[in-house]
Amino acid sequence: MSAVGLGGMPMSIEGRPDHARSISTIIAALDAGVTLIDTADAYHLHADEVGHNETLIAQALAAWNGDASAVLVATKGGHLRPGDGSWTLNGDPAYLKQAAEASLKRLGVDAIGLYQFHRPDPKVPYADSVGAIRDLLDEGKIRMAGISNADPGQIRQAQEILGGRLVSVQNQFSPAFRSSEPELRLCNELGIAFLPWSPLGGIGKAGELGSRFARFAEIGRDHGVSPQQVVLAWMLAKSEQVIPIPGASRPESITDSAKAPELALSEAELRDLG
C-alpha cells in the first residue's frame, strides 16, 4: 500500500462538495500514487443514500485511466446514519453480513478488499460481531479483515477470533487526540496495520492545524511544506505499521498529503513533536 491513504468521509456527509469535485478529488489521490481508499456504508447524508461514498469511489475508479486493480478499497459496516445527523450502532452478525453484501454490490467487486467492523455495539457481544467478519472472510466475501475504534483487549480478541488474520486497526489519532498510542504500540508489536482516522484533526479543523499546534507549523516552515505534511510524516515515523488516512474533499488537499512520505524529520524534530 501507499504510505498515505485517502479518507472518503468528507465527500459524503455534511458540508460535502458537489459530485464532480468529489470524483476529481479521488482521481487526484490515485494520480498522486495513493493506493488505499477508506470508506464506509455510513458515509452519507440522507437516509435514502446509504453507501453514497462507496458509490463515489466505484465511479471514480471506473473513470480513472490507471490500474484500478492495484487500489485497495477498505470499507466498514456496523455504524448507521438514520438521516437526522445522528450516528447509531448495529453489531448484529446477521446485519453485518447483510451490510457487507450491499457494500460489495455498490463497489462492484467480487470480494471486498478490506472489510472492517466500524465500531463496537454495546448491545452485542464483541465476539459475535467479529465472528461475522470471520465468516465473511471464510466465505470469500472479503479478502482481508479489520476492526475500527477498538481498545487493546478488543484487538487481541479479534486477532484470536479471526485466527491470526486481523490485518488492520483503524482508530482516531492526531496531534489533538493521542490516546490511541497503546493501540498503535500493540499493532506494531503484532505486525498489524494501524490506520489513524482524522489524522489532521477532522472535518473543519484540518485547515487550522498550524495555528492550533505551533511546533508543527514551525517545522513545516523550516522544510517549506505544510503543517499537515509534517503531521503525517510524524505519524509515519512512529511505526512502519502506520498508514494515515486523511480525509479530503479537494484535489489540492490529498495531493499535498500524499507528499508526506518524502518529508524526513530529524530526531530532534520528532522529539519536539512527541
Protein backbone atom coordinates (compact mmCIF):
# COMPACT_ATOMS: atom_id res chain seq x y z
CA MET A 1 0.00 0.00 0.00
CA SER A 2 0.95 3.63 -0.37
CA ALA A 3 2.29 5.16 2.84
CA VAL A 4 -0.69 7.56 2.99
CA GLY A 5 -4.28 6.68 2.13
CA LEU A 6 -7.39 8.72 1.37
CA GLY A 7 -10.31 9.01 3.77
CA GLY A 8 -13.54 9.42 1.87
CA MET A 9 -15.94 10.63 4.57
CA PRO A 10 -15.73 14.42 3.88
CA MET A 11 -17.04 13.83 0.36
CA SER A 12 -20.32 12.35 1.57
CA ILE A 13 -21.53 13.86 4.85
CA GLU A 14 -22.37 17.40 5.99
CA GLY A 15 -20.61 20.11 4.00
CA ARG A 16 -19.75 17.74 1.18
CA PRO A 17 -18.68 19.07 -2.22
CA ASP A 18 -20.55 18.50 -5.45
CA HIS A 19 -20.24 15.21 -7.29
CA ALA A 20 -17.72 16.45 -9.86
CA ARG A 21 -15.29 17.77 -7.26
CA SER A 22 -15.50 14.54 -5.28
CA ILE A 23 -14.66 12.48 -8.33
CA SER A 24 -11.78 14.85 -9.11
CA THR A 25 -10.50 14.50 -5.53
CA ILE A 26 -10.45 10.71 -5.69
CA ILE A 27 -8.76 10.71 -9.10
CA ALA A 28 -6.20 13.26 -7.86
CA ALA A 29 -5.38 10.89 -5.00
CA LEU A 30 -4.92 8.00 -7.41
CA ASP A 31 -2.76 10.10 -9.71
CA ALA A 32 -0.62 11.07 -6.71
CA GLY A 33 0.09 7.40 -6.02
CA VAL A 34 -2.46 6.73 -3.28
CA THR A 35 -3.42 3.05 -3.37
CA LEU A 36 -5.58 2.83 -0.21
CA ILE A 37 -9.01 4.45 -0.06
CA ASP A 38 -11.03 4.19 3.14
CA THR A 39 -14.80 4.44 3.13
CA ALA A 40 -17.89 3.08 4.93
CA ASP A 41 -21.52 2.43 4.12
CA ALA A 42 -22.43 5.04 6.76
CA TYR A 43 -20.69 7.85 4.89
CA HIS A 44 -23.80 9.53 3.54
CA LEU A 45 -26.10 12.40 4.40
CA HIS A 46 -29.69 11.33 3.75
CA ALA A 47 -31.41 8.16 4.91
CA ASP A 48 -32.08 7.01 1.34
CA GLU A 49 -28.45 7.18 0.17
CA VAL A 50 -26.66 4.58 2.25
CA GLY A 51 -23.28 3.85 0.69
CA HIS A 52 -23.02 7.25 -1.04
CA ASN A 53 -19.27 7.32 -0.57
CA GLU A 54 -18.77 3.75 -1.72
CA THR A 55 -20.63 4.59 -4.92
CA LEU A 56 -18.49 7.68 -5.48
CA ILE A 57 -15.32 5.63 -5.14
CA ALA A 58 -16.56 2.97 -7.54
CA GLN A 59 -17.41 5.65 -10.09
CA ALA A 60 -14.02 7.33 -9.75
CA LEU A 61 -12.14 4.05 -10.12
CA ALA A 62 -14.14 3.27 -13.25
CA ALA A 63 -13.32 6.69 -14.72
CA TRP A 64 -9.62 6.61 -13.83
CA ASN A 65 -7.18 5.73 -16.58
CA GLY A 66 -4.82 3.87 -14.26
CA ASP A 67 -4.74 0.29 -12.95
CA ALA A 68 -7.65 0.10 -10.52
CA SER A 69 -6.72 -3.47 -9.57
CA ALA A 70 -3.73 -2.04 -7.68
CA VAL A 71 -6.00 0.04 -5.42
CA LEU A 72 -7.27 -1.34 -2.12
CA VAL A 73 -10.71 -0.06 -1.15
CA ALA A 74 -11.38 -0.55 2.55
CA THR A 75 -14.95 -0.19 3.73
CA LYS A 76 -16.74 -0.66 7.04
CA GLY A 77 -20.06 -1.82 8.46
CA GLY A 78 -21.81 -1.60 11.81
CA HIS A 79 -22.33 2.17 12.00
CA LEU A 80 -25.52 3.74 10.64
CA ARG A 81 -26.88 7.20 9.89
CA PRO A 82 -30.66 7.38 10.05
CA GLY A 83 -30.65 10.70 8.20
CA ASP A 84 -31.19 13.12 11.09
CA GLY A 85 -27.49 13.82 11.59
CA SER A 86 -27.05 11.19 14.27
CA TRP A 87 -24.92 8.03 14.24
CA THR A 88 -26.23 4.71 15.55
CA LEU A 89 -24.74 1.24 16.00
CA ASN A 90 -25.66 -2.25 14.85
CA GLY A 91 -23.19 -5.02 15.55
CA ASP A 92 -25.68 -7.83 15.00
CA PRO A 93 -23.91 -10.57 13.00
CA ALA A 94 -26.80 -11.00 10.56
CA TYR A 95 -26.88 -7.26 9.91
CA LEU A 96 -23.11 -7.07 9.36
CA LYS A 97 -23.28 -9.83 6.77
CA GLN A 98 -26.16 -8.09 5.02
CA ALA A 99 -24.28 -4.77 5.09
CA ALA A 100 -21.17 -6.37 3.61
CA GLU A 101 -23.19 -7.88 0.76
CA ALA A 102 -24.66 -4.45 -0.01
CA SER A 103 -21.22 -2.80 0.08
CA LEU A 104 -19.83 -5.47 -2.23
CA LYS A 105 -22.53 -4.70 -4.80
CA ARG A 106 -22.04 -0.93 -4.59
CA LEU A 107 -18.29 -1.29 -5.05
CA GLY A 108 -18.87 -3.61 -8.00
CA VAL A 109 -16.30 -6.18 -6.92
CA ASP A 110 -16.24 -9.95 -6.46
CA ALA A 111 -14.84 -9.57 -2.95
CA ILE A 112 -14.25 -6.53 -0.73
CA GLY A 113 -10.52 -5.85 -0.38
CA LEU A 114 -10.64 -4.93 3.32
CA TYR A 115 -13.79 -5.02 5.43
CA GLN A 116 -13.74 -3.52 8.91
CA PHE A 117 -16.14 -3.70 11.84
CA HIS A 118 -16.82 0.01 12.23
CA ARG A 119 -17.50 0.44 15.95
CA PRO A 120 -18.30 -1.87 18.88
CA ASP A 121 -22.01 -2.14 19.69
CA PRO A 122 -22.52 -2.41 23.48
CA LYS A 123 -25.77 -4.31 22.90
CA VAL A 124 -23.99 -7.13 21.05
CA PRO A 125 -21.09 -9.27 22.37
CA TYR A 126 -17.94 -8.17 20.59
CA ALA A 127 -17.05 -11.77 19.81
CA ASP A 128 -20.34 -12.21 17.94
CA SER A 129 -19.75 -9.15 15.78
CA VAL A 130 -16.18 -10.10 14.93
CA GLY A 131 -17.40 -13.65 14.32
CA ALA A 132 -19.48 -12.29 11.44
CA ILE A 133 -16.35 -10.71 9.94
CA ARG A 134 -14.59 -14.07 10.29
CA ASP A 135 -17.45 -15.79 8.46
CA LEU A 136 -17.27 -13.25 5.61
CA LEU A 137 -13.55 -13.92 5.36
CA ASP A 138 -14.05 -17.69 5.33
CA GLU A 139 -16.75 -17.38 2.66
CA GLY A 140 -14.50 -15.31 0.39
CA LYS A 141 -16.82 -12.28 0.50
CA ILE A 142 -13.94 -10.21 1.84
CA ARG A 143 -10.22 -10.64 1.24
CA MET A 144 -8.96 -9.07 4.47
CA ALA A 145 -10.48 -8.23 7.83
CA GLY A 146 -10.03 -5.24 10.13
CA ILE A 147 -11.61 -3.51 13.10
CA SER A 148 -12.10 0.13 14.00
CA ASN A 149 -12.42 2.09 17.24
CA ALA A 150 -11.01 -0.80 19.25
CA ASP A 151 -9.10 -0.98 22.52
CA PRO A 152 -6.12 -3.30 23.14
CA GLY A 153 -8.29 -6.04 24.61
CA GLN A 154 -10.59 -5.98 21.60
CA ILE A 155 -7.61 -6.07 19.24
CA ARG A 156 -6.29 -9.22 20.91
CA GLN A 157 -9.77 -10.75 20.99
CA ALA A 158 -10.36 -10.02 17.32
CA GLN A 159 -6.97 -11.45 16.39
CA GLU A 160 -7.89 -14.67 18.21
CA ILE A 161 -11.39 -14.94 16.70
CA LEU A 162 -10.01 -14.30 13.23
CA GLY A 163 -7.36 -16.97 13.68
CA GLY A 164 -4.45 -14.56 13.39
CA ARG A 165 -5.87 -12.93 10.26
CA LEU A 166 -6.54 -9.44 11.61
CA VAL A 167 -4.70 -7.08 9.25
CA SER A 168 -5.73 -3.59 10.41
CA VAL A 169 -6.96 -1.44 13.26
CA GLN A 170 -8.47 1.95 12.46
CA ASN A 171 -8.56 4.33 15.43
CA GLN A 172 -8.66 8.06 15.87
CA PHE A 173 -5.18 9.54 16.24
CA SER A 174 -3.92 13.09 15.70
CA PRO A 175 -1.90 15.81 17.46
CA ALA A 176 -5.08 16.63 19.39
CA PHE A 177 -6.05 13.01 20.08
CA ARG A 178 -3.17 10.83 21.22
CA SER A 179 -4.97 8.38 23.49
CA SER A 180 -4.68 5.62 20.87
CA GLU A 181 -0.94 5.32 21.48
CA PRO A 182 -1.43 1.96 23.32
CA GLU A 183 -3.30 0.55 20.32
CA LEU A 184 -0.61 1.83 17.97
CA ARG A 185 2.10 0.15 20.06
CA LEU A 186 0.16 -3.11 20.14
CA CYS A 187 -0.33 -3.06 16.37
CA ASN A 188 3.39 -2.50 15.96
CA GLU A 189 4.08 -5.46 18.24
CA LEU A 190 1.64 -7.73 16.38
CA GLY A 191 2.54 -6.58 12.86
CA ILE A 192 -0.95 -5.20 12.20
CA ALA A 193 -1.54 -2.04 10.14
CA PHE A 194 -2.65 0.95 12.20
CA LEU A 195 -4.84 3.36 10.23
CA PRO A 196 -5.26 6.70 12.03
CA TRP A 197 -8.57 8.32 11.15
CA SER A 198 -8.93 12.11 11.30
CA PRO A 199 -5.12 12.39 11.49
CA LEU A 200 -5.30 16.11 10.72
CA GLY A 201 -7.98 16.80 13.31
CA GLY A 202 -11.15 16.10 11.39
CA ILE A 203 -13.52 17.99 9.12
CA GLY A 204 -13.37 21.73 9.74
CA LYS A 205 -10.20 21.56 11.84
CA ALA A 206 -7.53 20.35 9.42
CA GLY A 207 -7.11 23.82 7.94
CA GLU A 208 -6.47 25.31 11.39
CA LEU A 209 -3.88 22.72 12.35
CA GLY A 210 -0.93 25.08 12.04
CA SER A 211 -2.48 27.71 14.30
CA ARG A 212 -3.51 25.14 16.92
CA PHE A 213 -0.18 23.30 17.00
CA ALA A 214 2.59 25.82 16.53
CA ARG A 215 5.53 23.41 16.51
CA PHE A 216 4.11 21.51 13.52
CA ALA A 217 3.75 24.84 11.70
CA GLU A 218 7.29 25.93 12.61
CA ILE A 219 8.80 22.70 11.35
CA GLY A 220 6.71 22.99 8.21
CA ARG A 221 8.11 26.46 7.53
CA ASP A 222 11.64 25.17 8.09
CA HIS A 223 11.10 22.47 5.46
CA GLY A 224 8.97 24.57 3.11
CA VAL A 225 5.94 22.28 3.49
CA SER A 226 2.50 22.47 5.07
CA PRO A 227 1.94 21.65 8.76
CA GLN A 228 -0.41 18.92 7.53
CA GLN A 229 2.50 17.21 5.79
CA VAL A 230 4.51 17.45 8.99
CA VAL A 231 1.75 15.75 10.96
CA LEU A 232 1.57 12.85 8.52
CA ALA A 233 5.37 12.49 8.40
CA TRP A 234 5.44 12.49 12.23
CA MET A 235 2.90 9.66 12.26
CA LEU A 236 4.77 7.67 9.63
CA ALA A 237 7.95 7.96 11.70
CA LYS A 238 6.24 6.32 14.68
CA SER A 239 5.97 2.89 13.09
CA GLU A 240 6.12 1.13 9.74
CA GLN A 241 2.64 -0.17 10.58
CA VAL A 242 1.10 3.33 10.40
CA ILE A 243 -0.88 4.30 7.29
CA PRO A 244 -2.68 7.63 7.92
CA ILE A 245 -5.94 8.11 6.02
CA PRO A 246 -6.50 11.89 5.91
CA GLY A 247 -9.93 12.86 4.70
CA ALA A 248 -10.16 15.20 1.73
CA SER A 249 -12.79 16.94 -0.35
CA ARG A 250 -10.45 18.91 -2.63
CA PRO A 251 -7.81 17.59 -5.03
CA GLU A 252 -5.24 20.02 -3.60
CA SER A 253 -5.62 18.60 -0.08
CA ILE A 254 -4.93 14.97 -0.89
CA THR A 255 -2.18 15.89 -3.36
CA ASP A 256 -0.41 17.74 -0.55
CA SER A 257 -0.94 14.90 1.94
CA ALA A 258 0.39 12.30 -0.49
CA LYS A 259 3.79 14.06 -0.43
CA ALA A 260 4.28 13.43 3.31
CA PRO A 261 6.39 10.26 2.87
CA GLU A 262 9.02 12.40 1.11
CA LEU A 263 9.49 14.52 4.25
CA ALA A 264 12.27 13.29 6.54
CA LEU A 265 12.07 14.74 10.03
CA SER A 266 15.16 14.86 12.24
CA GLU A 267 15.39 13.05 15.56
CA ALA A 268 15.29 16.42 17.33
CA GLU A 269 12.14 17.43 15.47
CA LEU A 270 10.47 14.13 16.29
CA ARG A 271 11.37 14.54 19.96
CA ASP A 272 9.81 18.02 19.93
CA LEU A 273 6.59 16.68 18.43
CA GLY A 274 6.35 13.83 20.93
